[in-house]
PDB file of N, CA and C in Angstrom:
ATOM      1  N   GLN A   1      13.205 134.389 105.626  1.00  0.00           N
ATOM      2  CA  GLN A   1      13.130 135.212 106.821  1.00  0.00           C
ATOM      3  C   GLN A   1      11.734 135.806 106.945  1.00  0.00           C
ATOM      4  N   VAL A   2      11.152 135.667 108.118  1.00  0.00           N
ATOM      5  CA  VAL A   2       9.809 136.167 108.346  1.00  0.00           C
ATOM      6  C   VAL A   2       9.859 137.642 108.713  1.00  0.00           C
ATOM      7  N   GLN A   3       9.011 138.407 108.067  1.00  0.00           N
ATOM      8  CA  GLN A   3       8.923 139.825 108.376  1.00  0.00           C
ATOM      9  C   GLN A   3       7.471 140.266 108.383  1.00  0.00           C
ATOM     10  N   LEU A   4       7.154 141.151 109.297  1.00  0.00           N
ATOM     11  CA  LEU A   4       5.870 141.838 109.320  1.00  0.00           C
ATOM     12  C   LEU A   4       6.177 143.322 109.201  1.00  0.00           C
ATOM     13  N   VAL A   5       5.611 143.950 108.200  1.00  0.00           N
ATOM     14  CA  VAL A   5       5.901 145.359 107.961  1.00  0.00           C
ATOM     15  C   VAL A   5       4.600 146.136 108.013  1.00  0.00           C
ATOM     16  N   GLU A   6       4.524 147.056 108.972  1.00  0.00           N
ATOM     17  CA  GLU A   6       3.329 147.891 109.120  1.00  0.00           C
ATOM     18  C   GLU A   6       3.514 149.211 108.396  1.00  0.00           C
ATOM     19  N   SER A   7       2.402 149.787 108.036  1.00  0.00           N
ATOM     20  CA  SER A   7       2.394 151.128 107.470  1.00  0.00           C
ATOM     21  C   SER A   7       1.023 151.741 107.699  1.00  0.00           C
ATOM     22  N   GLY A   8       0.926 153.033 107.473  1.00  0.00           N
ATOM     23  CA  GLY A   8      -0.373 153.693 107.525  1.00  0.00           C
ATOM     24  C   GLY A   8      -0.610 154.565 108.731  1.00  0.00           C
ATOM     25  N   GLY A   9       0.299 154.579 109.670  1.00  0.00           N
ATOM     26  CA  GLY A   9       0.116 155.441 110.823  1.00  0.00           C
ATOM     27  C   GLY A   9       0.277 156.903 110.451  1.00  0.00           C
ATOM     28  N   GLY A  10      -0.056 157.752 111.395  1.00  0.00           N
ATOM     29  CA  GLY A  10       0.084 159.176 111.146  1.00  0.00           C
ATOM     30  C   GLY A  10      -0.679 159.995 112.151  1.00  0.00           C
ATOM     31  N   LEU A  11      -0.856 161.265 111.821  1.00  0.00           N
ATOM     32  CA  LEU A  11      -1.568 162.210 112.673  1.00  0.00           C
ATOM     33  C   LEU A  11      -2.948 162.456 112.096  1.00  0.00           C
ATOM     34  N   VAL A  12      -3.957 162.367 112.942  1.00  0.00           N
ATOM     35  CA  VAL A  12      -5.330 162.571 112.499  1.00  0.00           C
ATOM     36  C   VAL A  12      -6.089 163.291 113.606  1.00  0.00           C
ATOM     37  N   GLN A  13      -7.073 164.053 113.216  1.00  0.00           N
ATOM     38  CA  GLN A  13      -7.913 164.718 114.208  1.00  0.00           C
ATOM     39  C   GLN A  13      -8.907 163.736 114.802  1.00  0.00           C
ATOM     40  N   ALA A  14      -9.324 164.016 116.008  1.00  0.00           N
ATOM     41  CA  ALA A  14     -10.348 163.185 116.633  1.00  0.00           C
ATOM     42  C   ALA A  14     -11.579 163.141 115.729  1.00  0.00           C
ATOM     43  N   GLY A  15     -12.126 161.940 115.593  1.00  0.00           N
ATOM     44  CA  GLY A  15     -13.244 161.731 114.694  1.00  0.00           C
ATOM     45  C   GLY A  15     -12.842 161.299 113.303  1.00  0.00           C
ATOM     46  N   GLY A  16     -11.556 161.382 113.021  1.00  0.00           N
ATOM     47  CA  GLY A  16     -11.059 161.010 111.707  1.00  0.00           C
ATOM     48  C   GLY A  16     -10.782 159.518 111.584  1.00  0.00           C
ATOM     49  N   SER A  17     -10.183 159.157 110.452  1.00  0.00           N
ATOM     50  CA  SER A  17      -9.941 157.749 110.133  1.00  0.00           C
ATOM     51  C   SER A  17      -8.517 157.538 109.658  1.00  0.00           C
ATOM     52  N   LEU A  18      -8.036 156.334 109.895  1.00  0.00           N
ATOM     53  CA  LEU A  18      -6.767 155.869 109.360  1.00  0.00           C
ATOM     54  C   LEU A  18      -6.914 154.400 109.030  1.00  0.00           C
ATOM     55  N   ARG A  19      -6.119 153.948 108.067  1.00  0.00           N
ATOM     56  CA  ARG A  19      -6.060 152.524 107.775  1.00  0.00           C
ATOM     57  C   ARG A  19      -4.620 152.059 107.898  1.00  0.00           C
ATOM     58  N   LEU A  20      -4.410 151.113 108.786  1.00  0.00           N
ATOM     59  CA  LEU A  20      -3.104 150.511 108.951  1.00  0.00           C
ATOM     60  C   LEU A  20      -3.009 149.248 108.105  1.00  0.00           C
ATOM     61  N   SER A  21      -1.814 148.989 107.608  1.00  0.00           N
ATOM     62  CA  SER A  21      -1.563 147.778 106.832  1.00  0.00           C
ATOM     63  C   SER A  21      -0.415 147.005 107.455  1.00  0.00           C
ATOM     64  N   CYS A  22      -0.485 145.709 107.330  1.00  0.00           N
ATOM     65  CA  CYS A  22       0.592 144.841 107.790  1.00  0.00           C
ATOM     66  C   CYS A  22       0.785 143.751 106.751  1.00  0.00           C
ATOM     67  N   THR A  23       1.945 143.748 106.136  1.00  0.00           N
ATOM     68  CA  THR A  23       2.252 142.755 105.119  1.00  0.00           C
ATOM     69  C   THR A  23       3.251 141.753 105.666  1.00  0.00           C
ATOM     70  N   ALA A  24       2.892 140.497 105.555  1.00  0.00           N
ATOM     71  CA  ALA A  24       3.753 139.420 106.024  1.00  0.00           C
ATOM     72  C   ALA A  24       4.532 138.830 104.863  1.00  0.00           C
ATOM     73  N   SER A  25       5.774 138.534 105.121  1.00  0.00           N
ATOM     74  CA  SER A  25       6.594 137.858 104.117  1.00  0.00           C
ATOM     75  C   SER A  25       7.326 136.697 104.781  1.00  0.00           C
ATOM     76  N   GLY A  26       7.575 135.691 103.996  1.00  0.00           N
ATOM     77  CA  GLY A  26       8.324 134.549 104.491  1.00  0.00           C
ATOM     78  C   GLY A  26       7.474 133.416 105.027  1.00  0.00           C
ATOM     79  N   ARG A  27       6.193 133.686 105.251  1.00  0.00           N
ATOM     80  CA  ARG A  27       5.326 132.637 105.815  1.00  0.00           C
ATOM     81  C   ARG A  27       3.881 133.096 105.738  1.00  0.00           C
ATOM     82  N   THR A  28       3.000 132.124 105.701  1.00  0.00           N
ATOM     83  CA  THR A  28       1.574 132.405 105.813  1.00  0.00           C
ATOM     84  C   THR A  28       1.131 132.021 107.209  1.00  0.00           C
ATOM     85  N   PHE A  29       0.339 132.890 107.848  1.00  0.00           N
ATOM     86  CA  PHE A  29      -0.014 132.686 109.243  1.00  0.00           C
ATOM     87  C   PHE A  29      -1.470 132.289 109.416  1.00  0.00           C
ATOM     88  N   ARG A  30      -1.732 131.605 110.490  1.00  0.00           N
ATOM     89  CA  ARG A  30      -3.088 131.226 110.845  1.00  0.00           C
ATOM     90  C   ARG A  30      -3.833 132.405 111.477  1.00  0.00           C
ATOM     91  N   THR A  31      -3.117 133.178 112.272  1.00  0.00           N
ATOM     92  CA  THR A  31      -3.727 134.320 112.954  1.00  0.00           C
ATOM     93  C   THR A  31      -2.808 135.529 112.845  1.00  0.00           C
ATOM     94  N   MET A  32      -3.406 136.662 112.537  1.00  0.00           N
ATOM     95  CA  MET A  32      -2.699 137.930 112.573  1.00  0.00           C
ATOM     96  C   MET A  32      -3.522 138.910 113.392  1.00  0.00           C
ATOM     97  N   GLY A  33      -2.824 139.696 114.176  1.00  0.00           N
ATOM     98  CA  GLY A  33      -3.525 140.605 115.068  1.00  0.00           C
ATOM     99  C   GLY A  33      -2.856 141.954 115.157  1.00  0.00           C
ATOM    100  N   TRP A  34      -3.567 142.852 115.824  1.00  0.00           N
ATOM    101  CA  TRP A  34      -3.057 144.186 116.088  1.00  0.00           C
ATOM    102  C   TRP A  34      -3.073 144.439 117.595  1.00  0.00           C
ATOM    103  N   PHE A  35      -1.983 144.997 118.064  1.00  0.00           N
ATOM    104  CA  PHE A  35      -1.861 145.453 119.439  1.00  0.00           C
ATOM    105  C   PHE A  35      -1.466 146.922 119.409  1.00  0.00           C
ATOM    106  N   ARG A  36      -1.612 147.579 120.550  1.00  0.00           N
ATOM    107  CA  ARG A  36      -1.157 148.967 120.638  1.00  0.00           C
ATOM    108  C   ARG A  36      -0.568 149.220 122.013  1.00  0.00           C
ATOM    109  N   GLN A  37       0.297 150.194 122.055  1.00  0.00           N
ATOM    110  CA  GLN A  37       0.908 150.578 123.308  1.00  0.00           C
ATOM    111  C   GLN A  37       1.047 152.087 123.363  1.00  0.00           C
ATOM    112  N   ALA A  38       0.357 152.677 124.329  1.00  0.00           N
ATOM    113  CA  ALA A  38       0.443 154.108 124.552  1.00  0.00           C
ATOM    114  C   ALA A  38       1.568 154.385 125.554  1.00  0.00           C
ATOM    115  N   PRO A  39       2.083 155.602 125.558  1.00  0.00           N
ATOM    116  CA  PRO A  39       3.165 155.940 126.493  1.00  0.00           C
ATOM    117  C   PRO A  39       2.762 155.672 127.939  1.00  0.00           C
ATOM    118  N   GLY A  40       3.614 154.961 128.651  1.00  0.00           N
ATOM    119  CA  GLY A  40       3.358 154.688 130.058  1.00  0.00           C
ATOM    120  C   GLY A  40       2.364 153.578 130.320  1.00  0.00           C
ATOM    121  N   LYS A  41       1.898 152.933 129.258  1.00  0.00           N
ATOM    122  CA  LYS A  41       0.913 151.868 129.418  1.00  0.00           C
ATOM    123  C   LYS A  41       1.430 150.567 128.851  1.00  0.00           C
ATOM    124  N   GLY A  42       0.777 149.491 129.222  1.00  0.00           N
ATOM    125  CA  GLY A  42       1.147 148.190 128.709  1.00  0.00           C
ATOM    126  C   GLY A  42       0.603 147.948 127.320  1.00  0.00           C
ATOM    127  N   ARG A  43       1.062 146.915 126.717  1.00  0.00           N
ATOM    128  CA  ARG A  43       0.588 146.549 125.395  1.00  0.00           C
ATOM    129  C   ARG A  43      -0.845 146.025 125.478  1.00  0.00           C
ATOM    130  N   GLU A  44      -1.675 146.499 124.579  1.00  0.00           N
ATOM    131  CA  GLU A  44      -3.107 146.183 124.618  1.00  0.00           C
ATOM    132  C   GLU A  44      -3.534 145.520 123.321  1.00  0.00           C
ATOM    133  N   PHE A  45      -4.286 144.447 123.445  1.00  0.00           N
ATOM    134  CA  PHE A  45      -4.873 143.783 122.280  1.00  0.00           C
ATOM    135  C   PHE A  45      -5.909 144.699 121.645  1.00  0.00           C
ATOM    136  N   VAL A  46      -5.924 144.739 120.331  1.00  0.00           N
ATOM    137  CA  VAL A  46      -6.898 145.549 119.604  1.00  0.00           C
ATOM    138  C   VAL A  46      -7.847 144.668 118.781  1.00  0.00           C
ATOM    139  N   ALA A  47      -7.281 143.840 117.924  1.00  0.00           N
ATOM    140  CA  ALA A  47      -8.105 143.020 117.041  1.00  0.00           C
ATOM    141  C   ALA A  47      -7.272 141.879 116.495  1.00  0.00           C
ATOM    142  N   ARG A  48      -7.970 140.843 116.026  1.00  0.00           N
ATOM    143  CA  ARG A  48      -7.270 139.732 115.375  1.00  0.00           C
ATOM    144  C   ARG A  48      -8.177 139.063 114.372  1.00  0.00           C
ATOM    145  N   MET A  49      -7.527 138.390 113.438  1.00  0.00           N
ATOM    146  CA  MET A  49      -8.229 137.585 112.457  1.00  0.00           C
ATOM    147  C   MET A  49      -7.563 136.219 112.406  1.00  0.00           C
ATOM    148  N   THR A  50      -8.379 135.182 112.476  1.00  0.00           N
ATOM    149  CA  THR A  50      -7.897 133.812 112.377  1.00  0.00           C
ATOM    150  C   THR A  50      -8.554 133.153 111.184  1.00  0.00           C
ATOM    151  N   TRP A  51      -7.737 132.525 110.349  1.00  0.00           N
ATOM    152  CA  TRP A  51      -8.265 131.857 109.159  1.00  0.00           C
ATOM    153  C   TRP A  51      -8.496 130.394 109.468  1.00  0.00           C
ATOM    154  N   GLY A  52      -9.733 129.970 109.341  1.00  0.00           N
ATOM    155  CA  GLY A  52     -10.074 128.565 109.475  1.00  0.00           C
ATOM    156  C   GLY A  52     -10.200 127.948 108.109  1.00  0.00           C
ATOM    157  N   VAL A  53     -10.634 126.710 108.093  1.00  0.00           N
ATOM    158  CA  VAL A  53     -10.766 125.994 106.819  1.00  0.00           C
ATOM    159  C   VAL A  53     -11.855 126.628 105.956  1.00  0.00           C
ATOM    160  N   TYR A  54     -12.961 126.986 106.586  1.00  0.00           N
ATOM    161  CA  TYR A  54     -14.109 127.491 105.830  1.00  0.00           C
ATOM    162  C   TYR A  54     -14.498 128.922 106.181  1.00  0.00           C
ATOM    163  N   SER A  55     -13.866 129.488 107.190  1.00  0.00           N
ATOM    164  CA  SER A  55     -14.310 130.807 107.613  1.00  0.00           C
ATOM    165  C   SER A  55     -13.165 131.563 108.275  1.00  0.00           C
ATOM    166  N   ARG A  56     -13.404 132.825 108.515  1.00  0.00           N
ATOM    167  CA  ARG A  56     -12.468 133.648 109.262  1.00  0.00           C
ATOM    168  C   ARG A  56     -13.143 134.119 110.543  1.00  0.00           C
ATOM    169  N   ILE A  57     -12.358 134.162 111.576  1.00  0.00           N
ATOM    170  CA  ILE A  57     -12.852 134.631 112.871  1.00  0.00           C
ATOM    171  C   ILE A  57     -12.164 135.942 113.184  1.00  0.00           C
ATOM    172  N   THR A  58     -12.956 136.939 113.561  1.00  0.00           N
ATOM    173  CA  THR A  58     -12.392 138.219 113.984  1.00  0.00           C
ATOM    174  C   THR A  58     -12.890 138.549 115.383  1.00  0.00           C
ATOM    175  N   THR A  59     -12.005 139.093 116.187  1.00  0.00           N
ATOM    176  CA  THR A  59     -12.392 139.567 117.507  1.00  0.00           C
ATOM    177  C   THR A  59     -11.754 140.928 117.750  1.00  0.00           C
ATOM    178  N   TYR A  60     -12.402 141.693 118.630  1.00  0.00           N
ATOM    179  CA  TYR A  60     -11.957 143.058 118.925  1.00  0.00           C
ATOM    180  C   TYR A  60     -12.007 143.296 120.427  1.00  0.00           C
ATOM    181  N   THR A  61     -11.154 144.173 120.879  1.00  0.00           N
ATOM    182  CA  THR A  61     -11.311 144.641 122.242  1.00  0.00           C
ATOM    183  C   THR A  61     -12.540 145.541 122.306  1.00  0.00           C
ATOM    184  N   ASP A  62     -13.191 145.586 123.449  1.00  0.00           N
ATOM    185  CA  ASP A  62     -14.469 146.279 123.558  1.00  0.00           C
ATOM    186  C   ASP A  62     -14.386 147.749 123.155  1.00  0.00           C
ATOM    187  N   SER A  63     -13.299 148.397 123.476  1.00  0.00           N
ATOM    188  CA  SER A  63     -13.217 149.842 123.258  1.00  0.00           C
ATOM    189  C   SER A  63     -13.170 150.234 121.792  1.00  0.00           C
ATOM    190  N   VAL A  64     -12.927 149.289 120.888  1.00  0.00           N
ATOM    191  CA  VAL A  64     -12.856 149.630 119.470  1.00  0.00           C
ATOM    192  C   VAL A  64     -13.994 149.012 118.662  1.00  0.00           C
ATOM    193  N   LYS A  65     -14.816 148.212 119.287  1.00  0.00           N
ATOM    194  CA  LYS A  65     -15.917 147.573 118.558  1.00  0.00           C
ATOM    195  C   LYS A  65     -16.826 148.633 117.962  1.00  0.00           C
ATOM    196  N   GLY A  66     -17.173 148.419 116.711  1.00  0.00           N
ATOM    197  CA  GLY A  66     -18.025 149.374 116.008  1.00  0.00           C
ATOM    198  C   GLY A  66     -17.257 150.507 115.371  1.00  0.00           C
ATOM    199  N   ARG A  67     -16.003 150.658 115.716  1.00  0.00           N
ATOM    200  CA  ARG A  67     -15.187 151.734 115.133  1.00  0.00           C
ATOM    201  C   ARG A  67     -14.041 151.189 114.276  1.00  0.00           C
ATOM    202  N   PHE A  68     -13.448 150.085 114.682  1.00  0.00           N
ATOM    203  CA  PHE A  68     -12.318 149.489 113.972  1.00  0.00           C
ATOM    204  C   PHE A  68     -12.778 148.218 113.263  1.00  0.00           C
ATOM    205  N   THR A  69     -12.149 147.958 112.119  1.00  0.00           N
ATOM    206  CA  THR A  69     -12.431 146.741 111.374  1.00  0.00           C
ATOM    207  C   THR A  69     -11.128 146.135 110.886  1.00  0.00           C
ATOM    208  N   ILE A  70     -10.950 144.865 111.174  1.00  0.00           N
ATOM    209  CA  ILE A  70      -9.788 144.141 110.661  1.00  0.00           C
ATOM    210  C   ILE A  70     -10.223 143.383 109.413  1.00  0.00           C
ATOM    211  N   SER A  71      -9.394 143.438 108.382  1.00  0.00           N
ATOM    212  CA  SER A  71      -9.700 142.747 107.140  1.00  0.00           C
ATOM    213  C   SER A  71      -8.401 142.250 106.539  1.00  0.00           C
ATOM    214  N   SER A  72      -8.517 141.551 105.426  1.00  0.00           N
ATOM    215  CA  SER A  72      -7.313 140.987 104.838  1.00  0.00           C
ATOM    216  C   SER A  72      -7.402 140.921 103.336  1.00  0.00           C
ATOM    217  N   ASP A  73      -6.265 140.884 102.728  1.00  0.00           N
ATOM    218  CA  ASP A  73      -6.116 140.601 101.307  1.00  0.00           C
ATOM    219  C   ASP A  73      -5.151 139.431 101.243  1.00  0.00           C
ATOM    220  N   ASN A  74      -5.705 138.238 101.125  1.00  0.00           N
ATOM    221  CA  ASN A  74      -4.853 137.046 101.202  1.00  0.00           C
ATOM    222  C   ASN A  74      -3.858 136.980 100.058  1.00  0.00           C
ATOM    223  N   ALA A  75      -4.249 137.502  98.917  1.00  0.00           N
ATOM    224  CA  ALA A  75      -3.343 137.485  97.772  1.00  0.00           C
ATOM    225  C   ALA A  75      -2.099 138.318  98.050  1.00  0.00           C
ATOM    226  N   LYS A  76      -2.246 139.325  98.883  1.00  0.00           N
ATOM    227  CA  LYS A  76      -1.127 140.185  99.228  1.00  0.00           C
ATOM    228  C   LYS A  76      -0.505 139.829 100.570  1.00  0.00           C
ATOM    229  N   ASN A  77      -1.078 138.808 101.229  1.00  0.00           N
ATOM    230  CA  ASN A  77      -0.595 138.410 102.547  1.00  0.00           C
ATOM    231  C   ASN A  77      -0.588 139.608 103.500  1.00  0.00           C
ATOM    232  N   THR A  78      -1.655 140.351 103.432  1.00  0.00           N
ATOM    233  CA  THR A  78      -1.743 141.617 104.157  1.00  0.00           C
ATOM    234  C   THR A  78      -3.021 141.667 104.979  1.00  0.00           C
ATOM    235  N   VAL A  79      -2.902 142.193 106.185  1.00  0.00           N
ATOM    236  CA  VAL A  79      -4.077 142.501 106.981  1.00  0.00           C
ATOM    237  C   VAL A  79      -4.146 144.009 107.171  1.00  0.00           C
ATOM    238  N   TYR A  80      -5.355 144.479 107.310  1.00  0.00           N
ATOM    239  CA  TYR A  80      -5.603 145.898 107.475  1.00  0.00           C
ATOM    240  C   TYR A  80      -6.347 146.147 108.782  1.00  0.00           C
ATOM    241  N   LEU A  81      -6.162 147.323 109.309  1.00  0.00           N
ATOM    242  CA  LEU A  81      -6.967 147.769 110.437  1.00  0.00           C
ATOM    243  C   LEU A  81      -7.539 149.128 110.059  1.00  0.00           C
ATOM    244  N   GLN A  82      -8.816 149.119 109.701  1.00  0.00           N
ATOM    245  CA  GLN A  82      -9.512 150.363 109.400  1.00  0.00           C
ATOM    246  C   GLN A  82     -10.003 150.966 110.706  1.00  0.00           C
ATOM    247  N   MET A  83      -9.557 152.161 110.992  1.00  0.00           N
ATOM    248  CA  MET A  83      -9.887 152.819 112.252  1.00  0.00           C
ATOM    249  C   MET A  83     -10.706 154.064 111.953  1.00  0.00           C
ATOM    250  N   ASN A  84     -11.943 154.052 112.380  1.00  0.00           N
ATOM    251  CA  ASN A  84     -12.836 155.182 112.186  1.00  0.00           C
ATOM    252  C   ASN A  84     -13.197 155.805 113.526  1.00  0.00           C
ATOM    253  N   SER A  85     -13.714 157.010 113.471  1.00  0.00           N
ATOM    254  CA  SER A  85     -14.139 157.728 114.687  1.00  0.00           C
ATOM    255  C   SER A  85     -13.052 157.686 115.753  1.00  0.00           C
ATOM    256  N   LEU A  86     -11.859 158.013 115.347  1.00  0.00           N
ATOM    257  CA  LEU A  86     -10.723 157.910 116.263  1.00  0.00           C
ATOM    258  C   LEU A  86     -10.868 158.877 117.430  1.00  0.00           C
ATOM    259  N   LEU A  87     -10.438 158.409 118.580  1.00  0.00           N
ATOM    260  CA  LEU A  87     -10.470 159.166 119.820  1.00  0.00           C
ATOM    261  C   LEU A  87      -9.047 159.450 120.278  1.00  0.00           C
ATOM    262  N   PRO A  88      -8.851 160.490 121.058  1.00  0.00           N
ATOM    263  CA  PRO A  88      -7.488 160.742 121.574  1.00  0.00           C
ATOM    264  C   PRO A  88      -6.905 159.543 122.309  1.00  0.00           C
ATOM    265  N   GLU A  89      -7.753 158.767 122.963  1.00  0.00           N
ATOM    266  CA  GLU A  89      -7.247 157.600 123.694  1.00  0.00           C
ATOM    267  C   GLU A  89      -6.840 156.450 122.779  1.00  0.00           C
ATOM    268  N   ASP A  90      -7.088 156.585 121.473  1.00  0.00           N
ATOM    269  CA  ASP A  90      -6.611 155.579 120.516  1.00  0.00           C
ATOM    270  C   ASP A  90      -5.155 155.818 120.127  1.00  0.00           C
ATOM    271  N   ALA A  91      -4.612 156.950 120.511  1.00  0.00           N
ATOM    272  CA  ALA A  91      -3.240 157.270 120.146  1.00  0.00           C
ATOM    273  C   ALA A  91      -2.276 156.290 120.804  1.00  0.00           C
ATOM    274  N   ALA A  92      -1.405 155.724 120.006  1.00  0.00           N
ATOM    275  CA  ALA A  92      -0.470 154.707 120.492  1.00  0.00           C
ATOM    276  C   ALA A  92       0.431 154.293 119.339  1.00  0.00           C
ATOM    277  N   VAL A  93       1.412 153.481 119.669  1.00  0.00           N
ATOM    278  CA  VAL A  93       2.137 152.752 118.628  1.00  0.00           C
ATOM    279  C   VAL A  93       1.380 151.445 118.400  1.00  0.00           C
ATOM    280  N   TYR A  94       1.038 151.208 117.168  1.00  0.00           N
ATOM    281  CA  TYR A  94       0.281 150.010 116.799  1.00  0.00           C
ATOM    282  C   TYR A  94       1.236 148.977 116.219  1.00  0.00           C
ATOM    283  N   TYR A  95       1.092 147.756 116.720  1.00  0.00           N
ATOM    284  CA  TYR A  95       1.950 146.658 116.292  1.00  0.00           C
ATOM    285  C   TYR A  95       1.125 145.551 115.658  1.00  0.00           C
ATOM    286  N   CYS A  96       1.655 145.027 114.586  1.00  0.00           N
ATOM    287  CA  CYS A  96       1.093 143.848 113.961  1.00  0.00           C
ATOM    288  C   CYS A  96       1.781 142.629 114.554  1.00  0.00           C
ATOM    289  N   ALA A  97       1.029 141.557 114.732  1.00  0.00           N
ATOM    290  CA  ALA A  97       1.582 140.329 115.283  1.00  0.00           C
ATOM    291  C   ALA A  97       0.992 139.134 114.553  1.00  0.00           C
ATOM    292  N   ALA A  98       1.716 138.021 114.586  1.00  0.00           N
ATOM    293  CA  ALA A  98       1.251 136.858 113.836  1.00  0.00           C
ATOM    294  C   ALA A  98       1.724 135.569 114.488  1.00  0.00           C
ATOM    295  N   THR A  99       0.956 134.534 114.262  1.00  0.00           N
ATOM    296  CA  THR A  99       1.333 133.207 114.722  1.00  0.00           C
ATOM    297  C   THR A  99       0.731 132.151 113.810  1.00  0.00           C
ATOM    298  N   GLU A 100       1.418 131.038 113.727  1.00  0.00           N
ATOM    299  CA  GLU A 100       0.897 129.887 112.989  1.00  0.00           C
ATOM    300  C   GLU A 100       0.193 128.918 113.925  1.00  0.00           C
ATOM    301  N   GLN A 101       0.401 129.096 115.212  1.00  0.00           N
ATOM    302  CA  GLN A 101      -0.047 128.123 116.196  1.00  0.00           C
ATOM    303  C   GLN A 101      -1.524 128.306 116.561  1.00  0.00           C
ATOM    304  N   ILE A 102      -2.130 127.244 116.998  1.00  0.00           N
ATOM    305  CA  ILE A 102      -3.468 127.295 117.571  1.00  0.00           C
ATOM    306  C   ILE A 102      -3.303 127.569 119.059  1.00  0.00           C
ATOM    307  N   ARG A 103      -3.915 128.641 119.525  1.00  0.00           N
ATOM    308  CA  ARG A 103      -3.786 129.072 120.918  1.00  0.00           C
ATOM    309  C   ARG A 103      -5.146 129.053 121.601  1.00  0.00           C
ATOM    310  N   ASN A 104      -5.111 129.004 122.917  1.00  0.00           N
ATOM    311  CA  ASN A 104      -6.360 129.098 123.679  1.00  0.00           C
ATOM    312  C   ASN A 104      -6.946 130.498 123.612  1.00  0.00           C
ATOM    313  N   THR A 105      -6.082 131.473 123.501  1.00  0.00           N
ATOM    314  CA  THR A 105      -6.534 132.849 123.382  1.00  0.00           C
ATOM    315  C   THR A 105      -5.581 133.601 122.478  1.00  0.00           C
ATOM    316  N   TYR A 106      -6.115 134.589 121.815  1.00  0.00           N
ATOM    317  CA  TYR A 106      -5.288 135.439 120.958  1.00  0.00           C
ATOM    318  C   TYR A 106      -5.296 136.879 121.444  1.00  0.00           C
ATOM    319  N   ASN A 107      -5.751 137.086 122.670  1.00  0.00           N
ATOM    320  CA  ASN A 107      -5.851 138.434 123.201  1.00  0.00           C
ATOM    321  C   ASN A 107      -4.629 138.882 123.996  1.00  0.00           C
ATOM    322  N   VAL A 108      -3.626 138.039 124.011  1.00  0.00           N
ATOM    323  CA  VAL A 108      -2.422 138.385 124.751  1.00  0.00           C
ATOM    324  C   VAL A 108      -1.221 138.287 123.824  1.00  0.00           C
ATOM    325  N   GLY A 109      -0.238 139.128 124.099  1.00  0.00           N
ATOM    326  CA  GLY A 109       0.917 139.168 123.219  1.00  0.00           C
ATOM    327  C   GLY A 109       1.721 137.885 123.183  1.00  0.00           C
ATOM    328  N   THR A 110       1.689 137.147 124.272  1.00  0.00           N
ATOM    329  CA  THR A 110       2.473 135.906 124.323  1.00  0.00           C
ATOM    330  C   THR A 110       1.933 134.821 123.397  1.00  0.00           C
ATOM    331  N   SER A 111       0.752 135.037 122.841  1.00  0.00           N
ATOM    332  CA  SER A 111       0.200 134.065 121.890  1.00  0.00           C
ATOM    333  C   SER A 111       0.784 134.233 120.485  1.00  0.00           C
ATOM    334  N   TYR A 112       1.533 135.265 120.289  1.00  0.00           N
ATOM    335  CA  TYR A 112       2.061 135.577 118.959  1.00  0.00           C
ATOM    336  C   TYR A 112       3.573 135.369 118.914  1.00  0.00           C
ATOM    337  N   ASP A 113       4.046 134.949 117.762  1.00  0.00           N
ATOM    338  CA  ASP A 113       5.449 134.602 117.606  1.00  0.00           C
ATOM    339  C   ASP A 113       6.243 135.634 116.821  1.00  0.00           C
ATOM    340  N   TYR A 114       5.567 136.425 116.045  1.00  0.00           N
ATOM    341  CA  TYR A 114       6.241 137.403 115.199  1.00  0.00           C
ATOM    342  C   TYR A 114       5.578 138.765 115.369  1.00  0.00           C
ATOM    343  N   TRP A 115       6.411 139.795 115.315  1.00  0.00           N
ATOM    344  CA  TRP A 115       5.937 141.163 115.523  1.00  0.00           C
ATOM    345  C   TRP A 115       6.537 142.105 114.488  1.00  0.00           C
ATOM    346  N   GLY A 116       5.747 143.096 114.150  1.00  0.00           N
ATOM    347  CA  GLY A 116       6.256 144.164 113.316  1.00  0.00           C
ATOM    348  C   GLY A 116       6.961 145.216 114.150  1.00  0.00           C
ATOM    349  N   GLN A 117       7.437 146.231 113.471  1.00  0.00           N
ATOM    350  CA  GLN A 117       8.231 147.256 114.136  1.00  0.00           C
ATOM    351  C   GLN A 117       7.375 148.348 114.767  1.00  0.00           C
ATOM    352  N   GLY A 118       6.121 148.393 114.420  1.00  0.00           N
ATOM    353  CA  GLY A 118       5.202 149.365 114.991  1.00  0.00           C
ATOM    354  C   GLY A 118       5.038 150.587 114.107  1.00  0.00           C
ATOM    355  N   THR A 119       3.850 151.171 114.183  1.00  0.00           N
ATOM    356  CA  THR A 119       3.573 152.400 113.468  1.00  0.00           C
ATOM    357  C   THR A 119       2.814 153.339 114.404  1.00  0.00           C
ATOM    358  N   GLN A 120       3.195 154.598 114.405  1.00  0.00           N
ATOM    359  CA  GLN A 120       2.649 155.566 115.350  1.00  0.00           C
ATOM    360  C   GLN A 120       1.321 156.114 114.862  1.00  0.00           C
ATOM    361  N   VAL A 121       0.350 156.116 115.733  1.00  0.00           N
ATOM    362  CA  VAL A 121      -0.932 156.770 115.473  1.00  0.00           C
ATOM    363  C   VAL A 121      -1.098 157.879 116.507  1.00  0.00           C
ATOM    364  N   THR A 122      -1.272 159.085 116.022  1.00  0.00           N
ATOM    365  CA  THR A 122      -1.465 160.238 116.888  1.00  0.00           C
ATOM    366  C   THR A 122      -2.821 160.846 116.581  1.00  0.00           C
ATOM    367  N   VAL A 123      -3.605 161.089 117.612  1.00  0.00           N
ATOM    368  CA  VAL A 123      -4.938 161.633 117.444  1.00  0.00           C
ATOM    369  C   VAL A 123      -5.011 162.949 118.207  1.00  0.00           C
ATOM    370  N   SER A 124      -5.254 164.021 117.483  1.00  0.00           N
ATOM    371  CA  SER A 124      -5.338 165.334 118.122  1.00  0.00           C
ATOM    372  C   SER A 124      -6.780 165.635 118.491  1.00  0.00           C
ATOM    373  N   SER A 125      -6.947 166.278 119.626  1.00  0.00           N
ATOM    374  CA  SER A 125      -8.308 166.588 120.101  1.00  0.00           C
ATOM    375  C   SER A 125      -8.738 167.977 119.666  1.00  0.00           C
TER     376      SER A 125
END
């Protein structure tokens, strides 16, 4: 059974940092990503990592570039999202997502086949 389990959310002051973790079980994925959804808003792509034969590809949405970093520990089948310089507008439920498939784009939720349960990130101003 495939599972994605997120952890690491919480309450942080603006300017602070959090690290989210997502551990996959049951399968190894080609791409794992992070999305977020704030109250009253749609689901938004945050970052993704794709493992190629010789390299890894990472992409970010513009609003988090330079502040967030996606990384992985392949031995643990885990991806991380290090979030620095957090802003109140970063507050949302963050979801981990994964797919084995090769897609034309990984910036949309429909490109992913598996999802975690979400972890809440709250940023106080």
